[in-house]
Amino acid sequence: MSSTEAEKRASVKYYKSRDNIMIRPDKETGAAIRAAAAEAGQSNQQYILQATLERMQGGAGLPPEDQRRVDQHIEKTGEAAPAFISRAITDTIDRDNQLFQMGLKPKTE
C-alpha cells in the first residue's frame, strides 16, 4: 500500500520537528540498556530519554537543591549515593511507622 501525498507531507513535517541523536554503545552495554528498558516497560528511546532528562535535572531525578544536599552529605560521610538514598528511605519508613503506631500522621511536605 503506497502512501498518499498528504501522508508523505505529514511525515516530512514530523521528521523536520525532531532531532536525531545516535548512540553506539558496545554490544554488552546495548543489551543491558535493552533489558533495563524492557524491565521498566519502556521502549529503548523512552528509557534513554528519561535517564538523560533525570541526569540533566541533577542526578537521581531529584530537584537540584535536594541533589546538592545529597552530594554535600555523601561528601562528608564518604557513603555512596545509592546506599545513602536507600538508608534514607528505610529510616523515613521506620520513623513514619513509629508515628502511625502513636496514632500520628507523618509530615509529608
N, C-alpha and C. Protein backbone atom coordinates (compact mmCIF):
# COMPACT_ATOMS: atom_id res chain seq x y z
N MET A 1 0.84 -1.17 0.00
CA MET A 1 0.00 0.00 0.00
C MET A 1 0.90 1.24 0.00
N SER A 2 0.70 2.12 -0.92
CA SER A 2 1.54 3.30 -1.02
C SER A 2 0.94 4.44 -0.20
N SER A 3 1.82 5.34 0.19
CA SER A 3 1.40 6.49 0.98
C SER A 3 0.78 7.55 0.07
N THR A 4 -0.19 8.25 0.63
CA THR A 4 -0.78 9.37 -0.11
C THR A 4 0.15 10.57 0.01
N GLU A 5 -0.05 11.55 -0.82
CA GLU A 5 0.76 12.76 -0.75
C GLU A 5 0.60 13.45 0.60
N ALA A 6 -0.61 13.44 1.15
CA ALA A 6 -0.86 14.06 2.46
C ALA A 6 -0.07 13.33 3.55
N GLU A 7 -0.02 12.01 3.49
CA GLU A 7 0.75 11.24 4.47
C GLU A 7 2.23 11.54 4.35
N LYS A 8 2.70 11.66 3.12
CA LYS A 8 4.11 11.99 2.90
C LYS A 8 4.45 13.37 3.46
N ARG A 9 3.57 14.35 3.20
CA ARG A 9 3.80 15.71 3.73
C ARG A 9 3.79 15.71 5.26
N ALA A 10 2.86 14.97 5.84
CA ALA A 10 2.77 14.90 7.31
C ALA A 10 4.03 14.26 7.88
N SER A 11 4.52 13.22 7.21
CA SER A 11 5.73 12.54 7.67
C SER A 11 6.94 13.47 7.59
N VAL A 12 7.08 14.20 6.49
CA VAL A 12 8.19 15.15 6.34
C VAL A 12 8.11 16.22 7.41
N LYS A 13 6.91 16.75 7.64
CA LYS A 13 6.73 17.79 8.67
C LYS A 13 7.12 17.26 10.05
N TYR A 14 6.70 16.04 10.37
CA TYR A 14 7.02 15.44 11.67
C TYR A 14 8.53 15.31 11.83
N TYR A 15 9.20 14.72 10.84
CA TYR A 15 10.64 14.48 10.97
C TYR A 15 11.44 15.78 11.00
N LYS A 16 10.94 16.84 10.37
CA LYS A 16 11.62 18.13 10.44
C LYS A 16 11.55 18.72 11.85
N SER A 17 10.55 18.30 12.64
CA SER A 17 10.39 18.83 14.01
C SER A 17 11.17 18.01 15.04
N ARG A 18 11.85 16.98 14.61
CA ARG A 18 12.57 16.08 15.52
C ARG A 18 14.07 16.20 15.35
N ASP A 19 14.78 15.95 16.44
CA ASP A 19 16.23 15.86 16.38
C ASP A 19 16.59 14.38 16.27
N ASN A 20 17.80 14.12 15.85
CA ASN A 20 18.26 12.74 15.73
C ASN A 20 19.61 12.65 16.43
N ILE A 21 19.64 11.94 17.53
CA ILE A 21 20.89 11.74 18.28
C ILE A 21 21.16 10.25 18.30
N MET A 22 22.27 9.85 17.76
CA MET A 22 22.59 8.43 17.68
C MET A 22 23.63 8.09 18.74
N ILE A 23 23.44 6.96 19.39
CA ILE A 23 24.46 6.45 20.32
C ILE A 23 24.91 5.09 19.82
N ARG A 24 26.13 4.73 20.12
CA ARG A 24 26.67 3.45 19.70
C ARG A 24 27.38 2.77 20.88
N PRO A 25 26.59 2.20 21.80
CA PRO A 25 27.22 1.50 22.91
C PRO A 25 27.84 0.18 22.44
N ASP A 26 28.74 -0.36 23.24
CA ASP A 26 29.24 -1.69 22.90
C ASP A 26 28.09 -2.69 23.05
N LYS A 27 28.26 -3.88 22.52
CA LYS A 27 27.16 -4.87 22.48
C LYS A 27 26.64 -5.19 23.88
N GLU A 28 27.53 -5.34 24.83
CA GLU A 28 27.13 -5.70 26.20
C GLU A 28 26.31 -4.58 26.84
N THR A 29 26.76 -3.34 26.68
CA THR A 29 26.02 -2.20 27.24
C THR A 29 24.67 -2.04 26.54
N GLY A 30 24.66 -2.20 25.23
CA GLY A 30 23.40 -2.11 24.48
C GLY A 30 22.40 -3.15 24.96
N ALA A 31 22.87 -4.38 25.19
CA ALA A 31 21.98 -5.43 25.68
C ALA A 31 21.47 -5.11 27.07
N ALA A 32 22.33 -4.53 27.90
CA ALA A 32 21.92 -4.17 29.27
C ALA A 32 20.87 -3.05 29.23
N ILE A 33 21.05 -2.08 28.34
CA ILE A 33 20.07 -0.99 28.21
C ILE A 33 18.74 -1.54 27.73
N ARG A 34 18.77 -2.42 26.72
CA ARG A 34 17.52 -3.02 26.22
C ARG A 34 16.80 -3.80 27.31
N ALA A 35 17.56 -4.57 28.08
CA ALA A 35 16.96 -5.36 29.16
C ALA A 35 16.35 -4.46 30.23
N ALA A 36 17.06 -3.39 30.59
CA ALA A 36 16.56 -2.47 31.61
C ALA A 36 15.30 -1.76 31.11
N ALA A 37 15.30 -1.37 29.84
CA ALA A 37 14.12 -0.71 29.26
C ALA A 37 12.92 -1.65 29.28
N ALA A 38 13.15 -2.90 28.88
CA ALA A 38 12.06 -3.89 28.88
C ALA A 38 11.54 -4.11 30.30
N GLU A 39 12.46 -4.21 31.25
CA GLU A 39 12.07 -4.40 32.66
C GLU A 39 11.22 -3.22 33.16
N ALA A 40 11.55 -2.02 32.68
CA ALA A 40 10.81 -0.82 33.07
C ALA A 40 9.51 -0.66 32.27
N GLY A 41 9.31 -1.53 31.28
CA GLY A 41 8.11 -1.43 30.45
C GLY A 41 8.16 -0.24 29.49
N GLN A 42 9.37 0.13 29.08
CA GLN A 42 9.54 1.28 28.20
C GLN A 42 10.27 0.86 26.93
N SER A 43 10.11 1.68 25.89
CA SER A 43 10.93 1.47 24.70
C SER A 43 12.36 1.91 25.04
N ASN A 44 13.30 1.50 24.20
CA ASN A 44 14.68 1.94 24.42
C ASN A 44 14.78 3.46 24.42
N GLN A 45 14.07 4.09 23.47
CA GLN A 45 14.10 5.55 23.37
C GLN A 45 13.53 6.19 24.63
N GLN A 46 12.37 5.71 25.09
CA GLN A 46 11.77 6.28 26.30
C GLN A 46 12.72 6.14 27.48
N TYR A 47 13.32 4.97 27.62
CA TYR A 47 14.21 4.69 28.75
C TYR A 47 15.42 5.62 28.72
N ILE A 48 16.05 5.74 27.56
CA ILE A 48 17.25 6.58 27.44
C ILE A 48 16.91 8.05 27.63
N LEU A 49 15.80 8.51 27.05
CA LEU A 49 15.40 9.91 27.23
C LEU A 49 15.09 10.22 28.69
N GLN A 50 14.38 9.32 29.37
CA GLN A 50 14.06 9.55 30.78
C GLN A 50 15.34 9.63 31.61
N ALA A 51 16.25 8.69 31.40
CA ALA A 51 17.51 8.69 32.15
C ALA A 51 18.31 9.97 31.88
N THR A 52 18.33 10.39 30.63
CA THR A 52 19.06 11.60 30.27
C THR A 52 18.45 12.83 30.92
N LEU A 53 17.12 12.95 30.85
CA LEU A 53 16.46 14.11 31.45
C LEU A 53 16.64 14.13 32.97
N GLU A 54 16.56 12.96 33.60
CA GLU A 54 16.79 12.91 35.05
C GLU A 54 18.20 13.37 35.38
N ARG A 55 19.17 12.94 34.61
CA ARG A 55 20.55 13.35 34.86
C ARG A 55 20.70 14.85 34.67
N MET A 56 20.05 15.39 33.65
CA MET A 56 20.12 16.84 33.40
C MET A 56 19.47 17.63 34.52
N GLN A 57 18.51 17.02 35.22
CA GLN A 57 17.82 17.70 36.32
C GLN A 57 18.57 17.56 37.64
N GLY A 58 19.72 16.92 37.62
CA GLY A 58 20.50 16.88 38.84
C GLY A 58 20.80 15.50 39.36
N GLY A 59 20.78 14.50 38.57
CA GLY A 59 21.21 13.19 39.04
C GLY A 59 20.10 12.19 39.13
N ALA A 60 19.75 11.83 40.35
CA ALA A 60 18.81 10.73 40.57
C ALA A 60 17.38 11.18 40.43
N GLY A 61 17.12 12.11 39.52
CA GLY A 61 15.77 12.60 39.36
C GLY A 61 15.33 13.51 40.49
N LEU A 62 16.29 13.96 41.29
CA LEU A 62 15.98 14.85 42.40
C LEU A 62 16.01 16.30 41.94
N PRO A 63 15.22 17.15 42.57
CA PRO A 63 15.36 18.58 42.29
C PRO A 63 16.79 19.02 42.62
N PRO A 64 17.31 20.01 41.91
CA PRO A 64 18.70 20.41 42.11
C PRO A 64 19.09 20.69 43.56
N GLU A 65 18.21 21.35 44.33
CA GLU A 65 18.55 21.65 45.74
C GLU A 65 18.69 20.37 46.55
N ASP A 66 17.79 19.40 46.33
CA ASP A 66 17.88 18.12 47.04
C ASP A 66 19.15 17.37 46.63
N GLN A 67 19.46 17.40 45.34
CA GLN A 67 20.67 16.72 44.86
C GLN A 67 21.91 17.35 45.49
N ARG A 68 21.91 18.70 45.61
CA ARG A 68 23.05 19.39 46.24
C ARG A 68 23.21 18.93 47.68
N ARG A 69 22.08 18.79 48.40
CA ARG A 69 22.14 18.35 49.80
C ARG A 69 22.65 16.91 49.90
N VAL A 70 22.20 16.05 49.00
CA VAL A 70 22.70 14.66 48.98
C VAL A 70 24.20 14.67 48.71
N ASP A 71 24.63 15.44 47.70
CA ASP A 71 26.05 15.49 47.35
C ASP A 71 26.90 15.97 48.53
N GLN A 72 26.43 16.99 49.24
CA GLN A 72 27.17 17.50 50.40
C GLN A 72 27.26 16.43 51.48
N HIS A 73 26.15 15.74 51.72
CA HIS A 73 26.15 14.73 52.78
C HIS A 73 27.08 13.57 52.45
N ILE A 74 27.00 13.06 51.22
CA ILE A 74 27.85 11.90 50.91
C ILE A 74 29.32 12.30 50.83
N GLU A 75 29.58 13.58 50.56
CA GLU A 75 30.97 14.03 50.59
C GLU A 75 31.50 13.98 52.03
N LYS A 76 30.66 14.37 52.99
CA LYS A 76 31.06 14.33 54.41
C LYS A 76 31.25 12.91 54.92
N THR A 77 30.33 12.03 54.52
CA THR A 77 30.32 10.68 55.08
C THR A 77 31.14 9.68 54.29
N GLY A 78 31.37 9.97 53.00
CA GLY A 78 32.06 9.02 52.16
C GLY A 78 31.16 7.89 51.70
N GLU A 79 29.88 7.99 52.01
CA GLU A 79 28.90 6.96 51.63
C GLU A 79 28.54 7.11 50.16
N ALA A 80 28.33 6.01 49.48
CA ALA A 80 27.89 6.06 48.09
C ALA A 80 26.46 6.57 48.03
N ALA A 81 26.14 7.35 47.00
CA ALA A 81 24.80 7.94 46.88
C ALA A 81 23.68 6.90 46.93
N PRO A 82 23.76 5.79 46.18
CA PRO A 82 22.66 4.81 46.26
C PRO A 82 22.48 4.24 47.66
N ALA A 83 23.58 4.01 48.37
CA ALA A 83 23.49 3.48 49.74
C ALA A 83 22.85 4.51 50.66
N PHE A 84 23.25 5.76 50.52
CA PHE A 84 22.66 6.83 51.33
C PHE A 84 21.16 6.95 51.07
N ILE A 85 20.78 6.98 49.80
CA ILE A 85 19.36 7.13 49.46
C ILE A 85 18.56 5.95 49.97
N SER A 86 19.10 4.74 49.84
CA SER A 86 18.41 3.56 50.36
C SER A 86 18.25 3.65 51.87
N ARG A 87 19.30 4.08 52.56
CA ARG A 87 19.24 4.21 54.02
C ARG A 87 18.24 5.30 54.42
N ALA A 88 18.23 6.40 53.69
CA ALA A 88 17.30 7.49 53.99
C ALA A 88 15.85 7.02 53.83
N ILE A 89 15.60 6.24 52.81
CA ILE A 89 14.24 5.71 52.60
C ILE A 89 13.86 4.78 53.74
N THR A 90 14.76 3.87 54.10
CA THR A 90 14.48 2.92 55.19
C THR A 90 14.23 3.66 56.49
N ASP A 91 15.09 4.65 56.80
CA ASP A 91 14.93 5.41 58.04
C ASP A 91 13.61 6.18 58.06
N THR A 92 13.23 6.76 56.93
CA THR A 92 11.99 7.52 56.85
C THR A 92 10.78 6.60 57.04
N ILE A 93 10.80 5.45 56.41
CA ILE A 93 9.69 4.50 56.56
C ILE A 93 9.59 4.04 58.02
N ASP A 94 10.72 3.73 58.63
CA ASP A 94 10.72 3.32 60.04
C ASP A 94 10.15 4.42 60.94
N ARG A 95 10.58 5.66 60.71
CA ARG A 95 10.09 6.79 61.50
C ARG A 95 8.59 7.00 61.28
N ASP A 96 8.15 6.91 60.03
CA ASP A 96 6.72 7.05 59.74
C ASP A 96 5.90 5.96 60.42
N ASN A 97 6.40 4.74 60.40
CA ASN A 97 5.69 3.64 61.05
C ASN A 97 5.57 3.85 62.56
N GLN A 98 6.62 4.42 63.17
CA GLN A 98 6.55 4.74 64.59
C GLN A 98 5.47 5.78 64.86
N LEU A 99 5.38 6.78 63.99
CA LEU A 99 4.34 7.80 64.15
C LEU A 99 2.95 7.19 63.99
N PHE A 100 2.79 6.30 63.00
CA PHE A 100 1.49 5.64 62.81
C PHE A 100 1.10 4.86 64.06
N GLN A 101 2.08 4.19 64.69
CA GLN A 101 1.80 3.41 65.89
C GLN A 101 1.36 4.32 67.04
N MET A 102 1.80 5.57 67.03
CA MET A 102 1.40 6.51 68.07
C MET A 102 0.10 7.24 67.70
N GLY A 103 -0.48 6.86 66.54
CA GLY A 103 -1.71 7.50 66.10
C GLY A 103 -1.50 8.84 65.42
N LEU A 104 -0.28 9.12 65.02
CA LEU A 104 0.04 10.38 64.36
C LEU A 104 0.28 10.16 62.88
N LYS A 105 0.10 11.21 62.12
CA LYS A 105 0.34 11.14 60.69
C LYS A 105 1.65 11.84 60.39
N PRO A 106 2.53 11.20 59.59
CA PRO A 106 3.82 11.83 59.27
C PRO A 106 3.62 13.10 58.44
N LYS A 107 4.52 14.03 58.64
CA LYS A 107 4.52 15.26 57.83
C LYS A 107 5.00 14.87 56.44
N THR A 108 4.25 15.27 55.42
CA THR A 108 4.58 14.86 54.05
C THR A 108 5.03 16.01 53.17
N GLU A 109 5.21 17.18 53.70
CA GLU A 109 5.68 18.30 52.87
C GLU A 109 7.00 18.81 53.37
